[in-house]
N, C-alpha and C. Protein backbone atom coordinates (compact mmCIF):
# COMPACT_ATOMS: atom_id res chain seq x y z
N MET A 1 47.99 54.59 53.76
CA MET A 1 47.76 55.30 52.53
C MET A 1 46.95 54.41 51.60
N GLN A 2 46.04 55.01 50.88
CA GLN A 2 45.20 54.31 49.92
C GLN A 2 45.41 54.90 48.53
N VAL A 3 45.23 54.07 47.53
CA VAL A 3 45.29 54.52 46.14
C VAL A 3 43.92 54.25 45.53
N ARG A 4 43.34 55.29 44.98
CA ARG A 4 42.00 55.18 44.37
C ARG A 4 42.05 55.58 42.91
N LYS A 5 41.25 54.92 42.11
CA LYS A 5 41.10 55.28 40.70
C LYS A 5 40.17 56.49 40.66
N LEU A 6 40.57 57.52 39.93
CA LEU A 6 39.75 58.74 39.84
C LEU A 6 38.65 58.58 38.81
N GLY A 7 37.48 59.05 39.15
CA GLY A 7 36.35 59.02 38.23
C GLY A 7 36.04 60.38 37.64
N VAL A 8 36.71 61.40 38.14
CA VAL A 8 36.48 62.76 37.65
C VAL A 8 37.72 63.24 36.90
N LYS A 9 37.53 64.18 36.03
CA LYS A 9 38.63 64.71 35.23
C LYS A 9 39.34 65.81 36.03
N THR A 10 40.61 65.57 36.32
CA THR A 10 41.41 66.54 37.04
C THR A 10 42.85 66.46 36.55
N ARG A 11 43.62 67.49 36.74
CA ARG A 11 45.01 67.55 36.26
C ARG A 11 45.95 66.79 37.17
N CYS A 12 47.00 66.25 36.58
CA CYS A 12 48.08 65.63 37.33
C CYS A 12 48.80 66.73 38.10
N GLU A 13 49.20 66.43 39.31
CA GLU A 13 49.79 67.45 40.18
C GLU A 13 51.31 67.51 40.15
N MET A 14 51.95 66.79 39.24
CA MET A 14 53.39 66.95 39.08
C MET A 14 53.62 68.29 38.39
N PRO A 15 54.61 69.05 38.81
CA PRO A 15 54.78 70.42 38.31
C PRO A 15 54.87 70.58 36.80
N THR A 16 55.55 69.70 36.09
CA THR A 16 55.72 69.88 34.66
C THR A 16 54.79 69.04 33.80
N CYS A 17 53.89 68.27 34.43
CA CYS A 17 53.01 67.36 33.69
C CYS A 17 51.72 68.06 33.28
N LYS A 18 51.29 67.78 32.05
CA LYS A 18 50.05 68.39 31.53
C LYS A 18 48.94 67.34 31.35
N ASN A 19 49.19 66.09 31.80
CA ASN A 19 48.22 65.01 31.61
C ASN A 19 47.05 65.09 32.60
N THR A 20 46.06 64.27 32.33
CA THR A 20 44.91 64.14 33.22
C THR A 20 45.23 63.08 34.26
N ALA A 21 44.95 63.35 35.51
CA ALA A 21 45.23 62.41 36.60
C ALA A 21 44.30 61.21 36.50
N ALA A 22 44.84 60.04 36.81
CA ALA A 22 44.06 58.81 36.77
C ALA A 22 43.91 58.19 38.16
N PHE A 23 44.82 58.54 39.08
CA PHE A 23 44.81 57.94 40.41
C PHE A 23 44.94 59.01 41.48
N GLN A 24 44.41 58.69 42.65
CA GLN A 24 44.45 59.61 43.79
C GLN A 24 45.05 58.88 44.98
N PHE A 25 46.07 59.46 45.58
CA PHE A 25 46.68 58.92 46.79
C PHE A 25 46.09 59.67 47.97
N VAL A 26 45.50 58.91 48.90
CA VAL A 26 44.80 59.51 50.04
C VAL A 26 45.41 58.99 51.33
N ALA A 27 45.54 59.86 52.33
CA ALA A 27 46.08 59.47 53.63
C ALA A 27 45.10 58.53 54.33
N GLU A 28 45.55 57.89 55.39
CA GLU A 28 44.76 56.89 56.12
C GLU A 28 43.42 57.44 56.62
N ASN A 29 43.37 58.71 56.96
CA ASN A 29 42.12 59.26 57.48
C ASN A 29 41.04 59.41 56.40
N GLY A 30 41.41 59.24 55.14
CA GLY A 30 40.44 59.25 54.05
C GLY A 30 40.01 60.63 53.59
N ASP A 31 40.68 61.68 54.04
CA ASP A 31 40.32 63.03 53.65
C ASP A 31 40.83 63.31 52.24
N SER A 32 39.94 63.33 51.26
CA SER A 32 40.34 63.50 49.86
C SER A 32 40.78 64.93 49.54
N ARG A 33 40.55 65.87 50.46
CA ARG A 33 41.02 67.25 50.24
C ARG A 33 42.54 67.32 50.34
N ASN A 34 43.13 66.42 51.12
CA ASN A 34 44.58 66.38 51.28
C ASN A 34 45.13 65.15 50.55
N SER A 35 44.96 65.13 49.24
CA SER A 35 45.37 63.98 48.45
C SER A 35 46.33 64.41 47.36
N LEU A 36 46.90 63.42 46.68
CA LEU A 36 47.81 63.67 45.58
C LEU A 36 47.25 62.98 44.35
N ASN A 37 47.00 63.73 43.29
CA ASN A 37 46.43 63.20 42.06
C ASN A 37 47.53 63.10 41.00
N LEU A 38 47.73 61.87 40.48
CA LEU A 38 48.80 61.64 39.51
C LEU A 38 48.28 60.88 38.30
N CYS A 39 48.92 61.14 37.14
CA CYS A 39 48.59 60.40 35.93
C CYS A 39 49.37 59.09 35.93
N GLU A 40 49.02 58.20 35.02
CA GLU A 40 49.67 56.89 34.96
C GLU A 40 51.15 57.00 34.60
N ASP A 41 51.50 57.94 33.73
CA ASP A 41 52.90 58.13 33.34
C ASP A 41 53.76 58.55 34.53
N CYS A 42 53.25 59.46 35.33
CA CYS A 42 54.01 59.93 36.50
C CYS A 42 54.12 58.84 37.56
N ILE A 43 53.09 58.03 37.71
CA ILE A 43 53.15 56.92 38.67
C ILE A 43 54.21 55.92 38.24
N ARG A 44 54.28 55.62 36.94
CA ARG A 44 55.30 54.68 36.44
C ARG A 44 56.71 55.23 36.68
N GLU A 45 56.91 56.51 36.43
CA GLU A 45 58.21 57.13 36.65
C GLU A 45 58.56 57.11 38.14
N LEU A 46 57.61 57.43 38.98
CA LEU A 46 57.82 57.42 40.42
C LEU A 46 58.13 56.01 40.92
N TYR A 47 57.43 55.02 40.39
CA TYR A 47 57.66 53.62 40.75
C TYR A 47 59.09 53.20 40.41
N GLY A 48 59.57 53.60 39.25
CA GLY A 48 60.94 53.29 38.84
C GLY A 48 61.97 53.94 39.74
N GLN A 49 61.74 55.18 40.12
CA GLN A 49 62.67 55.89 40.99
C GLN A 49 62.67 55.31 42.40
N ILE A 50 61.51 54.94 42.92
CA ILE A 50 61.42 54.32 44.25
C ILE A 50 62.13 52.97 44.24
N GLY A 51 61.99 52.22 43.13
CA GLY A 51 62.64 50.92 43.02
C GLY A 51 64.15 51.00 43.09
N LYS A 52 64.73 52.14 42.73
CA LYS A 52 66.17 52.31 42.84
C LYS A 52 66.61 52.48 44.29
N ILE A 53 65.71 52.96 45.13
CA ILE A 53 66.02 53.21 46.54
C ILE A 53 65.62 52.03 47.42
N LEU A 54 64.39 51.57 47.26
CA LEU A 54 63.86 50.48 48.08
C LEU A 54 63.74 49.22 47.24
N THR A 55 64.54 48.20 47.57
CA THR A 55 64.49 46.94 46.85
C THR A 55 64.23 45.83 47.85
N PRO A 56 63.18 45.03 47.64
CA PRO A 56 62.90 43.95 48.59
C PRO A 56 63.97 42.85 48.51
N LYS A 57 64.24 42.20 49.64
CA LYS A 57 65.20 41.10 49.66
C LYS A 57 64.52 39.85 49.14
N SER A 58 65.28 39.05 48.42
CA SER A 58 64.72 37.79 47.91
C SER A 58 64.68 36.77 49.03
N PRO A 59 63.74 35.80 48.96
CA PRO A 59 63.66 34.77 50.00
C PRO A 59 64.85 33.81 49.90
N LYS A 60 65.11 33.10 51.00
CA LYS A 60 66.20 32.13 51.01
C LYS A 60 65.89 31.03 50.01
N ASN A 61 66.89 30.56 49.32
CA ASN A 61 66.73 29.52 48.32
C ASN A 61 66.70 28.16 49.02
N MET A 62 65.56 27.50 48.99
CA MET A 62 65.39 26.22 49.65
C MET A 62 65.90 25.06 48.79
N LEU A 63 66.10 25.26 47.51
CA LEU A 63 66.50 24.19 46.61
C LEU A 63 67.99 23.93 46.62
N ASN A 64 68.79 24.91 46.97
CA ASN A 64 70.25 24.77 46.93
C ASN A 64 70.86 24.51 48.30
N LYS A 65 70.13 23.84 49.18
CA LYS A 65 70.67 23.53 50.49
C LYS A 65 71.73 22.44 50.38
N LYS A 66 72.73 22.53 51.22
CA LYS A 66 73.74 21.47 51.28
C LYS A 66 73.12 20.25 51.93
N ARG A 67 73.60 19.07 51.55
CA ARG A 67 73.07 17.84 52.16
C ARG A 67 73.41 17.81 53.64
N GLY A 68 72.47 17.30 54.40
CA GLY A 68 72.68 17.20 55.84
C GLY A 68 72.14 18.38 56.62
N GLU A 69 71.75 19.47 55.92
CA GLU A 69 71.18 20.64 56.61
C GLU A 69 69.67 20.48 56.66
N GLY A 70 69.08 20.99 57.68
CA GLY A 70 67.62 21.02 57.77
C GLY A 70 67.01 19.64 57.90
N VAL A 71 66.21 19.24 56.94
CA VAL A 71 65.41 18.01 57.00
C VAL A 71 66.21 16.80 56.88
């Protein structure tokens, strides 16, 4: 999936949103006819909701190793 900045004026495709879309989500094949156009506000809301479901794991802490482990 690719995210592109829109250069043309088009409506956000969220059902209740009346804003102008700023970004376009396009599938890997690059066919812009099958894309999703969203405004910045809707992307921020979507990002927050996705963050509640998918959270990356933090890396192992290398500074708090017990003595004698590793090196």
